[in-house]
PDB file of N, CA and C in Angstrom:
ATOM      1  N   UNK A   1     131.742 -56.747  38.146  1.00  0.00           N
ATOM      2  CA  UNK A   1     131.214 -57.801  38.980  1.00  0.00           C
ATOM      3  C   UNK A   1     131.888 -57.717  40.345  1.00  0.00           C
ATOM      4  N   UNK A   2     131.081 -57.861  41.359  1.00  0.00           N
ATOM      5  CA  UNK A   2     131.611 -57.845  42.725  1.00  0.00           C
ATOM      6  C   UNK A   2     131.868 -59.269  43.181  1.00  0.00           C
ATOM      7  N   UNK A   3     132.940 -59.429  43.937  1.00  0.00           N
ATOM      8  CA  UNK A   3     133.254 -60.721  44.552  1.00  0.00           C
ATOM      9  C   UNK A   3     133.517 -60.473  46.029  1.00  0.00           C
ATOM     10  N   UNK A   4     133.300 -61.484  46.828  1.00  0.00           N
ATOM     11  CA  UNK A   4     133.623 -61.393  48.253  1.00  0.00           C
ATOM     12  C   UNK A   4     135.033 -61.901  48.464  1.00  0.00           C
ATOM     13  N   UNK A   5     135.797 -61.127  49.188  1.00  0.00           N
ATOM     14  CA  UNK A   5     137.151 -61.516  49.561  1.00  0.00           C
ATOM     15  C   UNK A   5     137.161 -61.579  51.077  1.00  0.00           C
ATOM     16  N   UNK A   6     137.672 -62.647  51.611  1.00  0.00           N
ATOM     17  CA  UNK A   6     137.691 -62.737  53.070  1.00  0.00           C
ATOM     18  C   UNK A   6     139.113 -62.934  53.563  1.00  0.00           C
ATOM     19  N   UNK A   7     139.342 -62.416  54.735  1.00  0.00           N
ATOM     20  CA  UNK A   7     140.581 -62.665  55.457  1.00  0.00           C
ATOM     21  C   UNK A   7     140.237 -62.625  56.929  1.00  0.00           C
ATOM     22  N   UNK A   8     141.066 -63.191  57.726  1.00  0.00           N
ATOM     23  CA  UNK A   8     140.725 -63.285  59.140  1.00  0.00           C
ATOM     24  C   UNK A   8     141.598 -62.358  59.977  1.00  0.00           C
ATOM     25  N   UNK A   9     140.980 -61.877  61.048  1.00  0.00           N
ATOM     26  CA  UNK A   9     141.681 -61.090  62.056  1.00  0.00           C
ATOM     27  C   UNK A   9     141.212 -61.618  63.404  1.00  0.00           C
ATOM     28  N   UNK A  10     141.946 -61.331  64.427  1.00  0.00           N
ATOM     29  CA  UNK A  10     141.522 -61.697  65.768  1.00  0.00           C
ATOM     30  C   UNK A  10     140.227 -60.952  66.078  1.00  0.00           C
ATOM     31  N   UNK A  11     139.358 -61.587  66.823  1.00  0.00           N
ATOM     32  CA  UNK A  11     138.052 -61.011  67.123  1.00  0.00           C
ATOM     33  C   UNK A  11     138.176 -59.589  67.662  1.00  0.00           C
ATOM     34  N   UNK A  12     139.072 -59.391  68.595  1.00  0.00           N
ATOM     35  CA  UNK A  12     139.200 -58.070  69.213  1.00  0.00           C
ATOM     36  C   UNK A  12     139.763 -57.015  68.254  1.00  0.00           C
ATOM     37  N   UNK A  13     140.341 -57.445  67.143  1.00  0.00           N
ATOM     38  CA  UNK A  13     140.879 -56.519  66.147  1.00  0.00           C
ATOM     39  C   UNK A  13     139.834 -56.090  65.115  1.00  0.00           C
ATOM     40  N   UNK A  14     138.635 -56.666  65.203  1.00  0.00           N
ATOM     41  CA  UNK A  14     137.599 -56.390  64.202  1.00  0.00           C
ATOM     42  C   UNK A  14     137.243 -54.905  64.098  1.00  0.00           C
ATOM     43  N   UNK A  15     136.955 -54.215  65.201  1.00  0.00           N
ATOM     44  CA  UNK A  15     136.622 -52.788  65.060  1.00  0.00           C
ATOM     45  C   UNK A  15     137.737 -51.977  64.396  1.00  0.00           C
ATOM     46  N   UNK A  16     138.983 -52.298  64.721  1.00  0.00           N
ATOM     47  CA  UNK A  16     140.110 -51.578  64.118  1.00  0.00           C
ATOM     48  C   UNK A  16     140.189 -51.870  62.613  1.00  0.00           C
ATOM     49  N   UNK A  17     139.953 -53.115  62.233  1.00  0.00           N
ATOM     50  CA  UNK A  17     139.977 -53.471  60.813  1.00  0.00           C
ATOM     51  C   UNK A  17     138.869 -52.740  60.057  1.00  0.00           C
ATOM     52  N   UNK A  18     137.690 -52.661  60.666  1.00  0.00           N
ATOM     53  CA  UNK A  18     136.589 -51.939  60.035  1.00  0.00           C
ATOM     54  C   UNK A  18     136.909 -50.443  59.975  1.00  0.00           C
ATOM     55  N   UNK A  19     137.523 -49.911  61.003  1.00  0.00           N
ATOM     56  CA  UNK A  19     137.917 -48.496  60.995  1.00  0.00           C
ATOM     57  C   UNK A  19     138.855 -48.202  59.826  1.00  0.00           C
ATOM     58  N   UNK A  20     139.779 -49.116  59.552  1.00  0.00           N
ATOM     59  CA  UNK A  20     140.690 -48.935  58.415  1.00  0.00           C
ATOM     60  C   UNK A  20     139.933 -48.958  57.093  1.00  0.00           C
ATOM     61  N   UNK A  21     138.950 -49.839  56.984  1.00  0.00           N
ATOM     62  CA  UNK A  21     138.136 -49.914  55.775  1.00  0.00           C
ATOM     63  C   UNK A  21     137.357 -48.608  55.599  1.00  0.00           C
ATOM     64  N   UNK A  22     136.784 -48.110  56.701  1.00  0.00           N
ATOM     65  CA  UNK A  22     136.017 -46.860  56.657  1.00  0.00           C
ATOM     66  C   UNK A  22     136.917 -45.689  56.298  1.00  0.00           C
ATOM     67  N   UNK A  23     138.113 -45.676  56.833  1.00  0.00           N
ATOM     68  CA  UNK A  23     139.045 -44.593  56.539  1.00  0.00           C
ATOM     69  C   UNK A  23     139.389 -44.560  55.047  1.00  0.00           C
ATOM     70  N   UNK A  24     139.586 -45.727  54.449  1.00  0.00           N
ATOM     71  CA  UNK A  24     139.865 -45.783  53.016  1.00  0.00           C
ATOM     72  C   UNK A  24     138.649 -45.301  52.219  1.00  0.00           C
ATOM     73  N   UNK A  25     137.456 -45.687  52.668  1.00  0.00           N
ATOM     74  CA  UNK A  25     136.229 -45.233  51.996  1.00  0.00           C
ATOM     75  C   UNK A  25     136.100 -43.711  52.102  1.00  0.00           C
ATOM     76  N   UNK A  26     136.517 -43.161  53.221  1.00  0.00           N
ATOM     77  CA  UNK A  26     136.476 -41.714  53.405  1.00  0.00           C
ATOM     78  C   UNK A  26     137.407 -41.014  52.406  1.00  0.00           C
ATOM     79  N   UNK A  27     138.581 -41.580  52.214  1.00  0.00           N
ATOM     80  CA  UNK A  27     139.512 -41.027  51.216  1.00  0.00           C
ATOM     81  C   UNK A  27     138.904 -41.099  49.811  1.00  0.00           C
ATOM     82  N   UNK A  28     138.257 -42.215  49.508  1.00  0.00           N
ATOM     83  CA  UNK A  28     137.586 -42.360  48.213  1.00  0.00           C
ATOM     84  C   UNK A  28     136.473 -41.322  48.063  1.00  0.00           C
ATOM     85  N   UNK A  29     135.757 -41.076  49.152  1.00  0.00           N
ATOM     86  CA  UNK A  29     134.671 -40.099  49.125  1.00  0.00           C
ATOM     87  C   UNK A  29     135.215 -38.687  48.891  1.00  0.00           C
ATOM     88  N   UNK A  30     136.341 -38.371  49.497  1.00  0.00           N
ATOM     89  CA  UNK A  30     136.960 -37.056  49.287  1.00  0.00           C
ATOM     90  C   UNK A  30     137.342 -36.870  47.820  1.00  0.00           C
ATOM     91  N   UNK A  31     137.904 -37.915  47.209  1.00  0.00           N
ATOM     92  CA  UNK A  31     138.255 -37.844  45.779  1.00  0.00           C
ATOM     93  C   UNK A  31     137.005 -37.653  44.934  1.00  0.00           C
ATOM     94  N   UNK A  32     135.954 -38.359  45.291  1.00  0.00           N
ATOM     95  CA  UNK A  32     134.700 -38.250  44.547  1.00  0.00           C
ATOM     96  C   UNK A  32     134.123 -36.845  44.696  1.00  0.00           C
ATOM     97  N   UNK A  33     134.175 -36.304  45.913  1.00  0.00           N
ATOM     98  CA  UNK A  33     133.688 -34.950  46.138  1.00  0.00           C
ATOM     99  C   UNK A  33     134.481 -33.943  45.297  1.00  0.00           C
ATOM    100  N   UNK A  34     135.798 -34.100  45.259  1.00  0.00           N
ATOM    101  CA  UNK A  34     136.652 -33.216  44.468  1.00  0.00           C
ATOM    102  C   UNK A  34     136.268 -33.290  42.989  1.00  0.00           C
ATOM    103  N   UNK A  35     136.079 -34.506  42.493  1.00  0.00           N
ATOM    104  CA  UNK A  35     135.705 -34.675  41.086  1.00  0.00           C
ATOM    105  C   UNK A  35     134.322 -34.098  40.795  1.00  0.00           C
ATOM    106  N   UNK A  36     133.411 -34.193  41.752  1.00  0.00           N
ATOM    107  CA  UNK A  36     132.073 -33.648  41.578  1.00  0.00           C
ATOM    108  C   UNK A  36     132.118 -32.121  41.542  1.00  0.00           C
ATOM    109  N   UNK A  37     132.926 -31.541  42.419  1.00  0.00           N
ATOM    110  CA  UNK A  37     133.076 -30.082  42.418  1.00  0.00           C
ATOM    111  C   UNK A  37     133.657 -29.607  41.098  1.00  0.00           C
ATOM    112  N   UNK A  38     134.652 -30.319  40.593  1.00  0.00           N
ATOM    113  CA  UNK A  38     135.249 -29.956  39.306  1.00  0.00           C
ATOM    114  C   UNK A  38     134.229 -30.058  38.179  1.00  0.00           C
ATOM    115  N   UNK A  39     133.398 -31.078  38.226  1.00  0.00           N
ATOM    116  CA  UNK A  39     132.361 -31.232  37.207  1.00  0.00           C
ATOM    117  C   UNK A  39     131.414 -30.029  37.235  1.00  0.00           C
ATOM    118  N   UNK A  40     131.020 -29.613  38.436  1.00  0.00           N
ATOM    119  CA  UNK A  40     130.141 -28.444  38.554  1.00  0.00           C
ATOM    120  C   UNK A  40     130.773 -27.199  37.958  1.00  0.00           C
ATOM    121  N   UNK A  41     132.058 -26.993  38.216  1.00  0.00           N
ATOM    122  CA  UNK A  41     132.767 -25.834  37.661  1.00  0.00           C
ATOM    123  C   UNK A  41     132.836 -25.903  36.146  1.00  0.00           C
ATOM    124  N   UNK A  42     133.131 -27.088  35.610  1.00  0.00           N
ATOM    125  CA  UNK A  42     133.222 -27.246  34.161  1.00  0.00           C
ATOM    126  C   UNK A  42     131.876 -26.996  33.488  1.00  0.00           C
ATOM    127  N   UNK A  43     130.809 -27.457  34.128  1.00  0.00           N
ATOM    128  CA  UNK A  43     129.478 -27.239  33.550  1.00  0.00           C
ATOM    129  C   UNK A  43     129.134 -25.752  33.495  1.00  0.00           C
ATOM    130  N   UNK A  44     129.597 -24.971  34.484  1.00  0.00           N
ATOM    131  CA  UNK A  44     129.333 -23.530  34.477  1.00  0.00           C
ATOM    132  C   UNK A  44     130.128 -22.812  33.406  1.00  0.00           C
ATOM    133  N   UNK A  45     131.380 -23.228  33.219  1.00  0.00           N
ATOM    134  CA  UNK A  45     132.290 -22.499  32.339  1.00  0.00           C
ATOM    135  C   UNK A  45     132.263 -22.975  30.893  1.00  0.00           C
ATOM    136  N   UNK A  46     132.251 -24.258  30.689  1.00  0.00           N
ATOM    137  CA  UNK A  46     132.333 -24.806  29.335  1.00  0.00           C
ATOM    138  C   UNK A  46     131.579 -26.127  29.300  1.00  0.00           C
ATOM    139  N   UNK A  47     130.261 -26.049  29.211  1.00  0.00           N
ATOM    140  CA  UNK A  47     129.464 -27.277  29.314  1.00  0.00           C
ATOM    141  C   UNK A  47     129.621 -28.198  28.104  1.00  0.00           C
ATOM    142  N   UNK A  48     130.278 -29.308  28.342  1.00  0.00           N
ATOM    143  CA  UNK A  48     130.335 -30.386  27.349  1.00  0.00           C
ATOM    144  C   UNK A  48     129.405 -31.470  27.892  1.00  0.00           C
ATOM    145  N   UNK A  49     128.189 -31.467  27.380  1.00  0.00           N
ATOM    146  CA  UNK A  49     127.138 -32.312  27.930  1.00  0.00           C
ATOM    147  C   UNK A  49     127.503 -33.789  27.864  1.00  0.00           C
ATOM    148  N   UNK A  50     128.038 -34.243  26.760  1.00  0.00           N
ATOM    149  CA  UNK A  50     128.377 -35.667  26.616  1.00  0.00           C
ATOM    150  C   UNK A  50     129.398 -36.101  27.656  1.00  0.00           C
ATOM    151  N   UNK A  51     130.461 -35.313  27.820  1.00  0.00           N
ATOM    152  CA  UNK A  51     131.483 -35.638  28.817  1.00  0.00           C
ATOM    153  C   UNK A  51     130.914 -35.539  30.233  1.00  0.00           C
ATOM    154  N   UNK A  52     130.065 -34.549  30.452  1.00  0.00           N
ATOM    155  CA  UNK A  52     129.471 -34.366  31.779  1.00  0.00           C
ATOM    156  C   UNK A  52     128.589 -35.549  32.152  1.00  0.00           C
ATOM    157  N   UNK A  53     127.811 -36.042  31.207  1.00  0.00           N
ATOM    158  CA  UNK A  53     126.970 -37.198  31.476  1.00  0.00           C
ATOM    159  C   UNK A  53     127.812 -38.422  31.833  1.00  0.00           C
ATOM    160  N   UNK A  54     128.896 -38.624  31.113  1.00  0.00           N
ATOM    161  CA  UNK A  54     129.793 -39.749  31.405  1.00  0.00           C
ATOM    162  C   UNK A  54     130.419 -39.597  32.794  1.00  0.00           C
ATOM    163  N   UNK A  55     130.826 -38.364  33.102  1.00  0.00           N
ATOM    164  CA  UNK A  55     131.451 -38.114  34.407  1.00  0.00           C
ATOM    165  C   UNK A  55     130.439 -38.317  35.534  1.00  0.00           C
ATOM    166  N   UNK A  56     129.197 -37.867  35.329  1.00  0.00           N
ATOM    167  CA  UNK A  56     128.165 -38.065  36.353  1.00  0.00           C
ATOM    168  C   UNK A  56     127.913 -39.547  36.590  1.00  0.00           C
ATOM    169  N   UNK A  57     127.884 -40.317  35.533  1.00  0.00           N
ATOM    170  CA  UNK A  57     127.683 -41.758  35.689  1.00  0.00           C
ATOM    171  C   UNK A  57     128.855 -42.377  36.451  1.00  0.00           C
ATOM    172  N   UNK A  58     130.047 -41.915  36.146  1.00  0.00           N
ATOM    173  CA  UNK A  58     131.236 -42.409  36.864  1.00  0.00           C
ATOM    174  C   UNK A  58     131.168 -42.042  38.351  1.00  0.00           C
ATOM    175  N   UNK A  59     130.727 -40.829  38.651  1.00  0.00           N
ATOM    176  CA  UNK A  59     130.594 -40.403  40.047  1.00  0.00           C
ATOM    177  C   UNK A  59     129.559 -41.246  40.776  1.00  0.00           C
ATOM    178  N   UNK A  60     128.447 -41.532  40.124  1.00  0.00           N
ATOM    179  CA  UNK A  60     127.424 -42.394  40.726  1.00  0.00           C
ATOM    180  C   UNK A  60     127.991 -43.763  41.061  1.00  0.00           C
ATOM    181  N   UNK A  61     128.792 -44.306  40.154  1.00  0.00           N
ATOM    182  CA  UNK A  61     129.400 -45.619  40.391  1.00  0.00           C
ATOM    183  C   UNK A  61     130.380 -45.556  41.556  1.00  0.00           C
ATOM    184  N   UNK A  62     131.121 -44.469  41.658  1.00  0.00           N
ATOM    185  CA  UNK A  62     132.045 -44.305  42.789  1.00  0.00           C
ATOM    186  C   UNK A  62     131.285 -44.248  44.111  1.00  0.00           C
ATOM    187  N   UNK A  63     130.168 -43.520  44.122  1.00  0.00           N
ATOM    188  CA  UNK A  63     129.351 -43.437  45.335  1.00  0.00           C
ATOM    189  C   UNK A  63     128.734 -44.787  45.671  1.00  0.00           C
ATOM    190  N   UNK A  64     128.362 -45.537  44.656  1.00  0.00           N
ATOM    191  CA  UNK A  64     127.811 -46.875  44.875  1.00  0.00           C
ATOM    192  C   UNK A  64     128.851 -47.793  45.520  1.00  0.00           C
ATOM    193  N   UNK A  65     130.094 -47.685  45.076  1.00  0.00           N
ATOM    194  CA  UNK A  65     131.168 -48.482  45.681  1.00  0.00           C
ATOM    195  C   UNK A  65     131.343 -48.128  47.155  1.00  0.00           C
ATOM    196  N   UNK A  66     131.297 -46.849  47.457  1.00  0.00           N
ATOM    197  CA  UNK A  66     131.433 -46.411  48.844  1.00  0.00           C
ATOM    198  C   UNK A  66     130.253 -46.924  49.667  1.00  0.00           C
ATOM    199  N   UNK A  67     129.059 -46.859  49.103  1.00  0.00           N
ATOM    200  CA  UNK A  67     127.879 -47.375  49.788  1.00  0.00           C
ATOM    201  C   UNK A  67     128.028 -48.868  50.077  1.00  0.00           C
ATOM    202  N   UNK A  68     128.547 -49.614  49.129  1.00  0.00           N
ATOM    203  CA  UNK A  68     128.767 -51.053  49.338  1.00  0.00           C
ATOM    204  C   UNK A  68     129.797 -51.314  50.432  1.00  0.00           C
ATOM    205  N   UNK A  69     130.812 -50.483  50.503  1.00  0.00           N
ATOM    206  CA  UNK A  69     131.810 -50.622  51.566  1.00  0.00           C
ATOM    207  C   UNK A  69     131.152 -50.415  52.924  1.00  0.00           C
ATOM    208  N   UNK A  70     130.277 -49.421  53.010  1.00  0.00           N
ATOM    209  CA  UNK A  70     129.562 -49.188  54.267  1.00  0.00           C
ATOM    210  C   UNK A  70     128.643 -50.356  54.606  1.00  0.00           C
ATOM    211  N   UNK A  71     127.980 -50.903  53.607  1.00  0.00           N
ATOM    212  CA  UNK A  71     127.114 -52.052  53.833  1.00  0.00           C
ATOM    213  C   UNK A  71     127.919 -53.259  54.323  1.00  0.00           C
ATOM    214  N   UNK A  72     129.076 -53.496  53.696  1.00  0.00           N
ATOM    215  CA  UNK A  72     129.946 -54.584  54.147  1.00  0.00           C
ATOM    216  C   UNK A  72     130.414 -54.347  55.585  1.00  0.00           C
ATOM    217  N   UNK A  73     130.736 -53.099  55.902  1.00  0.00           N
ATOM    218  CA  UNK A  73     131.201 -52.767  57.251  1.00  0.00           C
ATOM    219  C   UNK A  73     130.108 -53.002  58.282  1.00  0.00           C
ATOM    220  N   UNK A  74     128.878 -52.675  57.918  1.00  0.00           N
ATOM    221  CA  UNK A  74     127.749 -52.942  58.817  1.00  0.00           C
ATOM    222  C   UNK A  74     127.644 -54.431  59.093  1.00  0.00           C
ATOM    223  N   UNK A  75     127.762 -55.224  58.046  1.00  0.00           N
ATOM    224  CA  UNK A  75     127.664 -56.676  58.189  1.00  0.00           C
ATOM    225  C   UNK A  75     128.771 -57.219  59.087  1.00  0.00           C
ATOM    226  N   UNK A  76     129.970 -56.731  58.886  1.00  0.00           N
ATOM    227  CA  UNK A  76     131.107 -57.188  59.687  1.00  0.00           C
ATOM    228  C   UNK A  76     130.900 -56.834  61.158  1.00  0.00           C
ATOM    229  N   UNK A  77     130.518 -55.582  61.422  1.00  0.00           N
ATOM    230  CA  UNK A  77     130.341 -55.159  62.814  1.00  0.00           C
ATOM    231  C   UNK A  77     129.143 -55.828  63.474  1.00  0.00           C
ATOM    232  N   UNK A  78     128.106 -56.104  62.721  1.00  0.00           N
ATOM    233  CA  UNK A  78     126.965 -56.828  63.292  1.00  0.00           C
ATOM    234  C   UNK A  78     127.398 -58.237  63.693  1.00  0.00           C
ATOM    235  N   UNK A  79     128.198 -58.878  62.855  1.00  0.00           N
ATOM    236  CA  UNK A  79     128.736 -60.193  63.201  1.00  0.00           C
ATOM    237  C   UNK A  79     129.636 -60.135  64.418  1.00  0.00           C
ATOM    238  N   UNK A  80     130.427 -59.077  64.490  1.00  0.00           N
ATOM    239  CA  UNK A  80     131.302 -58.881  65.651  1.00  0.00           C
ATOM    240  C   UNK A  80     130.471 -58.704  66.914  1.00  0.00           C
ATOM    241  N   UNK A  81     129.440 -57.882  66.829  1.00  0.00           N
ATOM    242  CA  UNK A  81     128.581 -57.640  67.982  1.00  0.00           C
ATOM    243  C   UNK A  81     127.927 -58.934  68.453  1.00  0.00           C
ATOM    244  N   UNK A  82     127.461 -59.718  67.512  1.00  0.00           N
ATOM    245  CA  UNK A  82     126.831 -60.992  67.863  1.00  0.00           C
ATOM    246  C   UNK A  82     127.849 -61.924  68.534  1.00  0.00           C
ATOM    247  N   UNK A  83     129.033 -62.005  67.950  1.00  0.00           N
ATOM    248  CA  UNK A  83     130.063 -62.889  68.499  1.00  0.00           C
ATOM    249  C   UNK A  83     130.476 -62.461  69.899  1.00  0.00           C
ATOM    250  N   UNK A  84     130.610 -61.162  70.124  1.00  0.00           N
ATOM    251  CA  UNK A  84     131.042 -60.706  71.448  1.00  0.00           C
ATOM    252  C   UNK A  84     129.923 -60.824  72.467  1.00  0.00           C
ATOM    253  N   UNK A  85     128.686 -60.661  72.051  1.00  0.00           N
ATOM    254  CA  UNK A  85     127.585 -60.806  73.018  1.00  0.00           C
ATOM    255  C   UNK A  85     127.401 -62.273  73.390  1.00  0.00           C
ATOM    256  N   UNK A  86     127.605 -63.167  72.437  1.00  0.00           N
ATOM    257  CA  UNK A  86     127.523 -64.604  72.734  1.00  0.00           C
ATOM    258  C   UNK A  86     128.669 -65.031  73.642  1.00  0.00           C
ATOM    259  N   UNK A  87     129.807 -64.392  73.461  1.00  0.00           N
ATOM    260  CA  UNK A  87     130.975 -64.699  74.280  1.00  0.00           C
ATOM    261  C   UNK A  87     130.730 -64.331  75.739  1.00  0.00           C
ATOM    262  N   UNK A  88     129.914 -63.310  75.982  1.00  0.00           N
ATOM    263  CA  UNK A  88     129.638 -62.856  77.337  1.00  0.00           C
ATOM    264  C   UNK A  88     128.560 -63.681  78.030  1.00  0.00           C
ATOM    265  N   UNK A  89     127.782 -64.413  77.254  1.00  0.00           N
ATOM    266  CA  UNK A  89     126.728 -65.223  77.847  1.00  0.00           C
ATOM    267  C   UNK A  89     127.319 -66.430  78.563  1.00  0.00           C
ATOM    268  N   UNK A  90     126.745 -66.790  79.698  1.00  0.00           N
ATOM    269  CA  UNK A  90     127.250 -67.990  80.383  1.00  0.00           C
ATOM    270  C   UNK A  90     126.879 -69.229  79.575  1.00  0.00           C
ATOM    271  N   UNK A  91     127.676 -70.264  79.678  1.00  0.00           N
ATOM    272  CA  UNK A  91     127.352 -71.493  78.945  1.00  0.00           C
ATOM    273  C   UNK A  91     126.032 -72.070  79.458  1.00  0.00           C
ATOM    274  N   UNK A  92     125.293 -72.740  78.603  1.00  0.00           N
ATOM    275  CA  UNK A  92     124.018 -73.302  79.050  1.00  0.00           C
ATOM    276  C   UNK A  92     124.240 -74.383  80.107  1.00  0.00           C
ATOM    277  N   UNK A  93     123.296 -74.449  81.031  1.00  0.00           N
ATOM    278  CA  UNK A  93     123.389 -75.455  82.094  1.00  0.00           C
ATOM    279  C   UNK A  93     123.054 -76.824  81.527  1.00  0.00           C
ATOM    280  N   UNK A  94     123.789 -77.799  81.983  1.00  0.00           N
ATOM    281  CA  UNK A  94     123.501 -79.176  81.595  1.00  0.00           C
ATOM    282  C   UNK A  94     122.867 -79.836  82.805  1.00  0.00           C
ATOM    283  N   UNK A  95     121.631 -80.231  82.631  1.00  0.00           N
ATOM    284  CA  UNK A  95     120.907 -80.857  83.741  1.00  0.00           C
ATOM    285  C   UNK A  95     121.210 -82.328  83.788  1.00  0.00           C
ATOM    286  N   UNK A  96     121.528 -82.790  84.966  1.00  0.00           N
ATOM    287  CA  UNK A  96     121.783 -84.223  85.150  1.00  0.00           C
ATOM    288  C   UNK A  96     120.493 -84.888  85.567  1.00  0.00           C
ATOM    289  N   UNK A  97     120.260 -86.018  84.988  1.00  0.00           N
ATOM    290  CA  UNK A  97     119.071 -86.780  85.374  1.00  0.00           C
ATOM    291  C   UNK A  97     119.346 -87.459  86.696  1.00  0.00           C
ATOM    292  N   UNK A  98     118.295 -87.607  87.483  1.00  0.00           N
ATOM    293  CA  UNK A  98     118.437 -88.265  88.776  1.00  0.00           C
ATOM    294  C   UNK A  98     118.699 -89.753  88.560  1.00  0.00           C
ATOM    295  N   UNK A  99     119.657 -90.240  89.287  1.00  0.00           N
ATOM    296  CA  UNK A  99     119.950 -91.672  89.208  1.00  0.00           C
ATOM    297  C   UNK A  99     119.044 -92.414  90.168  1.00  0.00           C
ATOM    298  N   UNK A 100     118.516 -93.515  89.766  1.00  0.00           N
ATOM    299  CA  UNK A 100     117.625 -94.300  90.635  1.00  0.00           C
ATOM    300  C   UNK A 100     118.351 -95.443  91.273  1.00  0.00           C
TER     301      UNK A 100
END
């Protein structure tokens, strides 16, 4: 089961925080790639179909986790973009009614 965990950072630190999240996902992807390559080698040399099927399912789940991290990162950066673009907009004008 997935849960949302939140923590706060200063607005200007958001891209750096997302970069750290992406970097960790990249490390996870490298591990997954290594495990996938090993699975391919094992299937060529000594195919244990039952174990291979379990490993493939595990690899799919690992890739799904990485995909979710990217989706979360998109959401975070889209929110950051919105917040920074709103910050650049001038405040709305307040019109004063004419006094009679």
